[in-house]
PDB file of N, CA and C in Angstrom:
ATOM      1  N   MET A   1      -3.352  11.858 -19.279  1.00  0.00           N
ATOM      2  CA  MET A   1      -3.064  10.749 -18.387  1.00  0.00           C
ATOM      3  C   MET A   1      -1.943   9.909 -18.988  1.00  0.00           C
ATOM      4  N   ILE A   2      -0.989   9.562 -18.177  1.00  0.00           N
ATOM      5  CA  ILE A   2       0.102   8.705 -18.627  1.00  0.00           C
ATOM      6  C   ILE A   2      -0.336   7.257 -18.445  1.00  0.00           C
ATOM      7  N   THR A   3      -0.226   6.497 -19.498  1.00  0.00           N
ATOM      8  CA  THR A   3      -0.521   5.077 -19.377  1.00  0.00           C
ATOM      9  C   THR A   3       0.745   4.312 -19.702  1.00  0.00           C
ATOM     10  N   GLY A   4       0.908   3.219 -19.084  1.00  0.00           N
ATOM     11  CA  GLY A   4       2.095   2.417 -19.328  1.00  0.00           C
ATOM     12  C   GLY A   4       2.215   1.338 -18.291  1.00  0.00           C
ATOM     13  N   LYS A   5       3.237   0.564 -18.407  1.00  0.00           N
ATOM     14  CA  LYS A   5       3.485  -0.533 -17.503  1.00  0.00           C
ATOM     15  C   LYS A   5       4.170   0.003 -16.246  1.00  0.00           C
ATOM     16  N   VAL A   6       3.676  -0.404 -15.093  1.00  0.00           N
ATOM     17  CA  VAL A   6       4.299  -0.001 -13.835  1.00  0.00           C
ATOM     18  C   VAL A   6       5.374  -1.026 -13.503  1.00  0.00           C
ATOM     19  N   VAL A   7       6.573  -0.548 -13.247  1.00  0.00           N
ATOM     20  CA  VAL A   7       7.669  -1.449 -12.906  1.00  0.00           C
ATOM     21  C   VAL A   7       8.385  -0.924 -11.674  1.00  0.00           C
ATOM     22  N   LYS A   8       9.081  -1.793 -11.016  1.00  0.00           N
ATOM     23  CA  LYS A   8       9.913  -1.412  -9.885  1.00  0.00           C
ATOM     24  C   LYS A   8      11.349  -1.277 -10.384  1.00  0.00           C
ATOM     25  N   TYR A   9      11.948  -0.150 -10.104  1.00  0.00           N
ATOM     26  CA  TYR A   9      13.352   0.068 -10.434  1.00  0.00           C
ATOM     27  C   TYR A   9      14.198  -0.347  -9.248  1.00  0.00           C
ATOM     28  N   LYS A  10      15.495  -0.285  -9.421  1.00  0.00           N
ATOM     29  CA  LYS A  10      16.387  -0.540  -8.307  1.00  0.00           C
ATOM     30  C   LYS A  10      16.033   0.431  -7.194  1.00  0.00           C
ATOM     31  N   LYS A  11      15.979  -0.065  -5.973  1.00  0.00           N
ATOM     32  CA  LYS A  11      15.492   0.738  -4.855  1.00  0.00           C
ATOM     33  C   LYS A  11      16.265   2.035  -4.651  1.00  0.00           C
ATOM     34  N   HIS A  12      17.546   2.067  -4.944  1.00  0.00           N
ATOM     35  CA  HIS A  12      18.304   3.301  -4.712  1.00  0.00           C
ATOM     36  C   HIS A  12      17.933   4.397  -5.705  1.00  0.00           C
ATOM     37  N   GLU A  13      17.258   4.049  -6.796  1.00  0.00           N
ATOM     38  CA  GLU A  13      16.854   5.027  -7.799  1.00  0.00           C
ATOM     39  C   GLU A  13      15.425   5.503  -7.589  1.00  0.00           C
ATOM     40  N   MET A  14      14.688   4.889  -6.689  1.00  0.00           N
ATOM     41  CA  MET A  14      13.267   5.181  -6.525  1.00  0.00           C
ATOM     42  C   MET A  14      13.011   6.138  -5.375  1.00  0.00           C
ATOM     43  N   LYS A  15      11.940   6.915  -5.517  1.00  0.00           N
ATOM     44  CA  LYS A  15      11.532   7.839  -4.467  1.00  0.00           C
ATOM     45  C   LYS A  15      10.626   7.109  -3.487  1.00  0.00           C
ATOM     46  N   LYS A  16      10.535   7.635  -2.268  1.00  0.00           N
ATOM     47  CA  LYS A  16       9.716   7.010  -1.234  1.00  0.00           C
ATOM     48  C   LYS A  16       8.409   7.765  -1.030  1.00  0.00           C
ATOM     49  N   CYS A  17       7.385   7.013  -0.706  1.00  0.00           N
ATOM     50  CA  CYS A  17       6.066   7.565  -0.401  1.00  0.00           C
ATOM     51  C   CYS A  17       6.133   8.311   0.936  1.00  0.00           C
ATOM     52  N   SER A  18       5.540   9.509   0.971  1.00  0.00           N
ATOM     53  CA  SER A  18       5.569  10.309   2.191  1.00  0.00           C
ATOM     54  C   SER A  18       4.547   9.837   3.223  1.00  0.00           C
ATOM     55  N   ILE A  19       3.715   8.863   2.869  1.00  0.00           N
ATOM     56  CA  ILE A  19       2.718   8.343   3.805  1.00  0.00           C
ATOM     57  C   ILE A  19       3.153   7.007   4.391  1.00  0.00           C
ATOM     58  N   CYS A  20       3.456   6.034   3.536  1.00  0.00           N
ATOM     59  CA  CYS A  20       3.778   4.684   4.024  1.00  0.00           C
ATOM     60  C   CYS A  20       5.274   4.372   4.000  1.00  0.00           C
ATOM     61  N   ASP A  21       6.061   5.216   3.390  1.00  0.00           N
ATOM     62  CA  ASP A  21       7.509   5.062   3.286  1.00  0.00           C
ATOM     63  C   ASP A  21       7.928   3.913   2.365  1.00  0.00           C
ATOM     64  N   ASP A  22       6.986   3.381   1.572  1.00  0.00           N
ATOM     65  CA  ASP A  22       7.315   2.374   0.562  1.00  0.00           C
ATOM     66  C   ASP A  22       7.826   3.112  -0.679  1.00  0.00           C
ATOM     67  N   TYR A  23       8.333   2.384  -1.636  1.00  0.00           N
ATOM     68  CA  TYR A  23       8.844   3.007  -2.853  1.00  0.00           C
ATOM     69  C   TYR A  23       7.717   3.356  -3.814  1.00  0.00           C
ATOM     70  N   ILE A  24       7.849   4.484  -4.498  1.00  0.00           N
ATOM     71  CA  ILE A  24       6.867   4.926  -5.483  1.00  0.00           C
ATOM     72  C   ILE A  24       7.154   4.217  -6.803  1.00  0.00           C
ATOM     73  N   ASP A  25       6.090   3.658  -7.411  1.00  0.00           N
ATOM     74  CA  ASP A  25       6.235   2.959  -8.691  1.00  0.00           C
ATOM     75  C   ASP A  25       6.656   3.924  -9.790  1.00  0.00           C
ATOM     76  N   VAL A  26       7.402   3.398 -10.742  1.00  0.00           N
ATOM     77  CA  VAL A  26       7.836   4.169 -11.907  1.00  0.00           C
ATOM     78  C   VAL A  26       7.002   3.715 -13.098  1.00  0.00           C
ATOM     79  N   MET A  27       6.402   4.659 -13.802  1.00  0.00           N
ATOM     80  CA  MET A  27       5.634   4.328 -15.003  1.00  0.00           C
ATOM     81  C   MET A  27       6.591   4.257 -16.190  1.00  0.00           C
ATOM     82  N   MET A  28       6.460   3.213 -16.972  1.00  0.00           N
ATOM     83  CA  MET A  28       7.256   3.082 -18.179  1.00  0.00           C
ATOM     84  C   MET A  28       6.394   3.529 -19.359  1.00  0.00           C
ATOM     85  N   VAL A  29       6.937   4.391 -20.189  1.00  0.00           N
ATOM     86  CA  VAL A  29       6.223   4.892 -21.361  1.00  0.00           C
ATOM     87  C   VAL A  29       7.070   4.577 -22.588  1.00  0.00           C
ATOM     88  N   ASP A  30       6.524   3.806 -23.511  1.00  0.00           N
ATOM     89  CA  ASP A  30       7.238   3.400 -24.719  1.00  0.00           C
ATOM     90  C   ASP A  30       8.587   2.762 -24.401  1.00  0.00           C
ATOM     91  N   GLY A  31       8.609   1.943 -23.364  1.00  0.00           N
ATOM     92  CA  GLY A  31       9.821   1.217 -23.002  1.00  0.00           C
ATOM     93  C   GLY A  31      10.878   2.028 -22.279  1.00  0.00           C
ATOM     94  N   GLU A  32      10.575   3.273 -21.975  1.00  0.00           N
ATOM     95  CA  GLU A  32      11.535   4.126 -21.279  1.00  0.00           C
ATOM     96  C   GLU A  32      10.952   4.586 -19.954  1.00  0.00           C
ATOM     97  N   ARG A  33      11.862   4.907 -19.037  1.00  0.00           N
ATOM     98  CA  ARG A  33      11.431   5.396 -17.733  1.00  0.00           C
ATOM     99  C   ARG A  33      10.620   6.672 -17.919  1.00  0.00           C
ATOM    100  N   GLY A  34       9.420   6.676 -17.340  1.00  0.00           N
ATOM    101  CA  GLY A  34       8.534   7.827 -17.458  1.00  0.00           C
ATOM    102  C   GLY A  34       8.352   8.518 -16.114  1.00  0.00           C
ATOM    103  N   TRP A  35       7.103   8.742 -15.759  1.00  0.00           N
ATOM    104  CA  TRP A  35       6.768   9.460 -14.532  1.00  0.00           C
ATOM    105  C   TRP A  35       7.202   8.662 -13.306  1.00  0.00           C
ATOM    106  N   ASP A  36       7.967   9.308 -12.426  1.00  0.00           N
ATOM    107  CA  ASP A  36       8.443   8.619 -11.226  1.00  0.00           C
ATOM    108  C   ASP A  36       8.170   9.420  -9.963  1.00  0.00           C
ATOM    109  N   ASP A  37       7.253  10.398 -10.051  1.00  0.00           N
ATOM    110  CA  ASP A  37       7.037  11.303  -8.929  1.00  0.00           C
ATOM    111  C   ASP A  37       5.748  11.001  -8.155  1.00  0.00           C
ATOM    112  N   GLY A  38       5.083   9.917  -8.465  1.00  0.00           N
ATOM    113  CA  GLY A  38       3.899   9.535  -7.706  1.00  0.00           C
ATOM    114  C   GLY A  38       2.769  10.546  -7.795  1.00  0.00           C
ATOM    115  N   HIS A  39       2.048  10.683  -6.692  1.00  0.00           N
ATOM    116  CA  HIS A  39       0.863  11.535  -6.632  1.00  0.00           C
ATOM    117  C   HIS A  39       1.054  12.619  -5.568  1.00  0.00           C
ATOM    118  N   ASN A  40       0.311  13.702  -5.709  1.00  0.00           N
ATOM    119  CA  ASN A  40       0.277  14.754  -4.710  1.00  0.00           C
ATOM    120  C   ASN A  40      -0.420  14.194  -3.467  1.00  0.00           C
ATOM    121  N   ALA A  41       0.221  14.230  -2.314  1.00  0.00           N
ATOM    122  CA  ALA A  41      -0.339  13.636  -1.102  1.00  0.00           C
ATOM    123  C   ALA A  41      -1.212  14.595  -0.293  1.00  0.00           C
ATOM    124  N   GLU A  42      -1.395  15.826  -0.774  1.00  0.00           N
ATOM    125  CA  GLU A  42      -2.243  16.762  -0.020  1.00  0.00           C
ATOM    126  C   GLU A  42      -3.695  16.307  -0.085  1.00  0.00           C
ATOM    127  N   PRO A  43      -4.469  16.414   0.943  1.00  0.00           N
ATOM    128  CA  PRO A  43      -4.263  17.142   2.188  1.00  0.00           C
ATOM    129  C   PRO A  43      -3.669  16.313   3.320  1.00  0.00           C
ATOM    130  N   VAL A  44      -3.241  15.093   3.033  1.00  0.00           N
ATOM    131  CA  VAL A  44      -2.672  14.242   4.080  1.00  0.00           C
ATOM    132  C   VAL A  44      -1.331  14.803   4.555  1.00  0.00           C
ATOM    133  N   ASN A  45      -0.464  15.146   3.606  1.00  0.00           N
ATOM    134  CA  ASN A  45       0.792  15.834   3.911  1.00  0.00           C
ATOM    135  C   ASN A  45       1.280  16.528   2.648  1.00  0.00           C
ATOM    136  N   GLY A  46       2.374  17.228   2.735  1.00  0.00           N
ATOM    137  CA  GLY A  46       2.854  18.029   1.609  1.00  0.00           C
ATOM    138  C   GLY A  46       3.785  17.303   0.664  1.00  0.00           C
ATOM    139  N   GLY A  47       3.901  15.983   0.792  1.00  0.00           N
ATOM    140  CA  GLY A  47       4.841  15.239  -0.037  1.00  0.00           C
ATOM    141  C   GLY A  47       4.194  14.566  -1.233  1.00  0.00           C
ATOM    142  N   ARG A  48       4.844  13.515  -1.699  1.00  0.00           N
ATOM    143  CA  ARG A  48       4.377  12.708  -2.825  1.00  0.00           C
ATOM    144  C   ARG A  48       4.056  11.320  -2.290  1.00  0.00           C
ATOM    145  N   CYS A  49       3.094  10.639  -2.912  1.00  0.00           N
ATOM    146  CA  CYS A  49       2.704   9.327  -2.407  1.00  0.00           C
ATOM    147  C   CYS A  49       2.610   8.286  -3.522  1.00  0.00           C
ATOM    148  N   CYS A  50       2.584   7.026  -3.103  1.00  0.00           N
ATOM    149  CA  CYS A  50       2.488   5.890  -4.024  1.00  0.00           C
ATOM    150  C   CYS A  50       1.040   5.700  -4.480  1.00  0.00           C
ATOM    151  N   ASN A  51       0.845   4.830  -5.453  1.00  0.00           N
ATOM    152  CA  ASN A  51      -0.494   4.548  -5.983  1.00  0.00           C
ATOM    153  C   ASN A  51      -1.433   4.044  -4.892  1.00  0.00           C
ATOM    154  N   LYS A  52      -0.956   3.128  -4.064  1.00  0.00           N
ATOM    155  CA  LYS A  52      -1.802   2.534  -3.022  1.00  0.00           C
ATOM    156  C   LYS A  52      -2.272   3.589  -2.027  1.00  0.00           C
ATOM    157  N   CYS A  53      -1.357   4.433  -1.540  1.00  0.00           N
ATOM    158  CA  CYS A  53      -1.753   5.466  -0.574  1.00  0.00           C
ATOM    159  C   CYS A  53      -2.645   6.509  -1.223  1.00  0.00           C
ATOM    160  N   ASN A  54      -2.423   6.793  -2.491  1.00  0.00           N
ATOM    161  CA  ASN A  54      -3.304   7.719  -3.186  1.00  0.00           C
ATOM    162  C   ASN A  54      -4.729   7.172  -3.205  1.00  0.00           C
ATOM    163  N   ASP A  55      -4.871   5.876  -3.539  1.00  0.00           N
ATOM    164  CA  ASP A  55      -6.191   5.248  -3.620  1.00  0.00           C
ATOM    165  C   ASP A  55      -6.829   5.027  -2.242  1.00  0.00           C
ATOM    166  N   ASP A  56      -6.027   4.602  -1.264  1.00  0.00           N
ATOM    167  CA  ASP A  56      -6.573   4.192   0.035  1.00  0.00           C
ATOM    168  C   ASP A  56      -6.620   5.299   1.083  1.00  0.00           C
ATOM    169  N   VAL A  57      -5.807   6.348   0.928  1.00  0.00           N
ATOM    170  CA  VAL A  57      -5.721   7.380   1.958  1.00  0.00           C
ATOM    171  C   VAL A  57      -6.064   8.769   1.414  1.00  0.00           C
ATOM    172  N   VAL A  58      -5.366   9.198   0.370  1.00  0.00           N
ATOM    173  CA  VAL A  58      -5.496  10.578  -0.111  1.00  0.00           C
ATOM    174  C   VAL A  58      -6.871  10.857  -0.718  1.00  0.00           C
ATOM    175  N   ILE A  59      -7.308  10.038  -1.660  1.00  0.00           N
ATOM    176  CA  ILE A  59      -8.591  10.289  -2.310  1.00  0.00           C
ATOM    177  C   ILE A  59      -9.757  10.223  -1.316  1.00  0.00           C
ATOM    178  N   PRO A  60      -9.811   9.208  -0.426  1.00  0.00           N
ATOM    179  CA  PRO A  60     -10.894   9.216   0.572  1.00  0.00           C
ATOM    180  C   PRO A  60     -10.855  10.459   1.483  1.00  0.00           C
ATOM    181  N   THR A  61      -9.671  10.922   1.824  1.00  0.00           N
ATOM    182  CA  THR A  61      -9.556  12.125   2.651  1.00  0.00           C
ATOM    183  C   THR A  61     -10.076  13.340   1.902  1.00  0.00           C
ATOM    184  N   ARG A  62      -9.727  13.450   0.635  1.00  0.00           N
ATOM    185  CA  ARG A  62     -10.217  14.570  -0.174  1.00  0.00           C
ATOM    186  C   ARG A  62     -11.743  14.533  -0.297  1.00  0.00           C
ATOM    187  N   LEU A  63     -12.292  13.340  -0.525  1.00  0.00           N
ATOM    188  CA  LEU A  63     -13.746  13.223  -0.639  1.00  0.00           C
ATOM    189  C   LEU A  63     -14.438  13.582   0.672  1.00  0.00           C
ATOM    190  N   ALA A  64     -13.894  13.107   1.789  1.00  0.00           N
ATOM    191  CA  ALA A  64     -14.477  13.429   3.097  1.00  0.00           C
ATOM    192  C   ALA A  64     -14.413  14.928   3.353  1.00  0.00           C
ATOM    193  N   ASP A  65     -13.300  15.547   3.021  1.00  0.00           N
ATOM    194  CA  ASP A  65     -13.161  16.998   3.190  1.00  0.00           C
ATOM    195  C   ASP A  65     -14.164  17.741   2.318  1.00  0.00           C
ATOM    196  N   ALA A  66     -14.349  17.291   1.082  1.00  0.00           N
ATOM    197  CA  ALA A  66     -15.287  17.952   0.167  1.00  0.00           C
ATOM    198  C   ALA A  66     -16.722  17.817   0.674  1.00  0.00           C
ATOM    199  N   LEU A  67     -17.076  16.636   1.171  1.00  0.00           N
ATOM    200  CA  LEU A  67     -18.424  16.436   1.694  1.00  0.00           C
ATOM    201  C   LEU A  67     -18.653  17.258   2.957  1.00  0.00           C
ATOM    202  N   LYS A  68     -17.633  17.343   3.800  1.00  0.00           N
ATOM    203  CA  LYS A  68     -17.733  18.144   5.015  1.00  0.00           C
ATOM    204  C   LYS A  68     -17.919  19.613   4.663  1.00  0.00           C
ATOM    205  N   GLU A  69     -17.134  20.092   3.705  1.00  0.00           N
ATOM    206  CA  GLU A  69     -17.217  21.486   3.270  1.00  0.00           C
ATOM    207  C   GLU A  69     -18.574  21.778   2.635  1.00  0.00           C
ATOM    208  N   ARG A  70     -19.070  20.828   1.880  1.00  0.00           N
ATOM    209  CA  ARG A  70     -20.372  20.990   1.207  1.00  0.00           C
ATOM    210  C   ARG A  70     -21.507  21.080   2.215  1.00  0.00           C
ATOM    211  N   SER A  71     -21.423  20.316   3.302  1.00  0.00           N
ATOM    212  CA  SER A  71     -22.496  20.318   4.305  1.00  0.00           C
ATOM    213  C   SER A  71     -22.478  21.605   5.132  1.00  0.00           C
ATOM    214  N   ILE A  72     -21.344  22.304   5.166  1.00  0.00           N
ATOM    215  CA  ILE A  72     -21.239  23.554   5.904  1.00  0.00           C
ATOM    216  C   ILE A  72     -21.960  24.669   5.157  1.00  0.00           C
ATOM    217  N   LYS A  73     -21.936  24.640   3.834  1.00  0.00           N
ATOM    218  CA  LYS A  73     -22.516  25.719   3.020  1.00  0.00           C
ATOM    219  C   LYS A  73     -24.014  25.695   2.979  1.00  0.00           C
TER     220      LYS A  73
END
């Protein structure tokens, strides 16, 4: 797991969330630009997403899908 301070870079350098179209936060590691690719947005879509959409949309969707699949078996 990458830990570090989350900062906003200049908007032209940042990637956009495939769900909300907001900018994806950049993790700073040891004072240098670190991970800037966000989270895997599947199964919502095939792109990358921001922290907020990962927490509020992607993870709940994955849990609902897992529970649905579990009840089928």
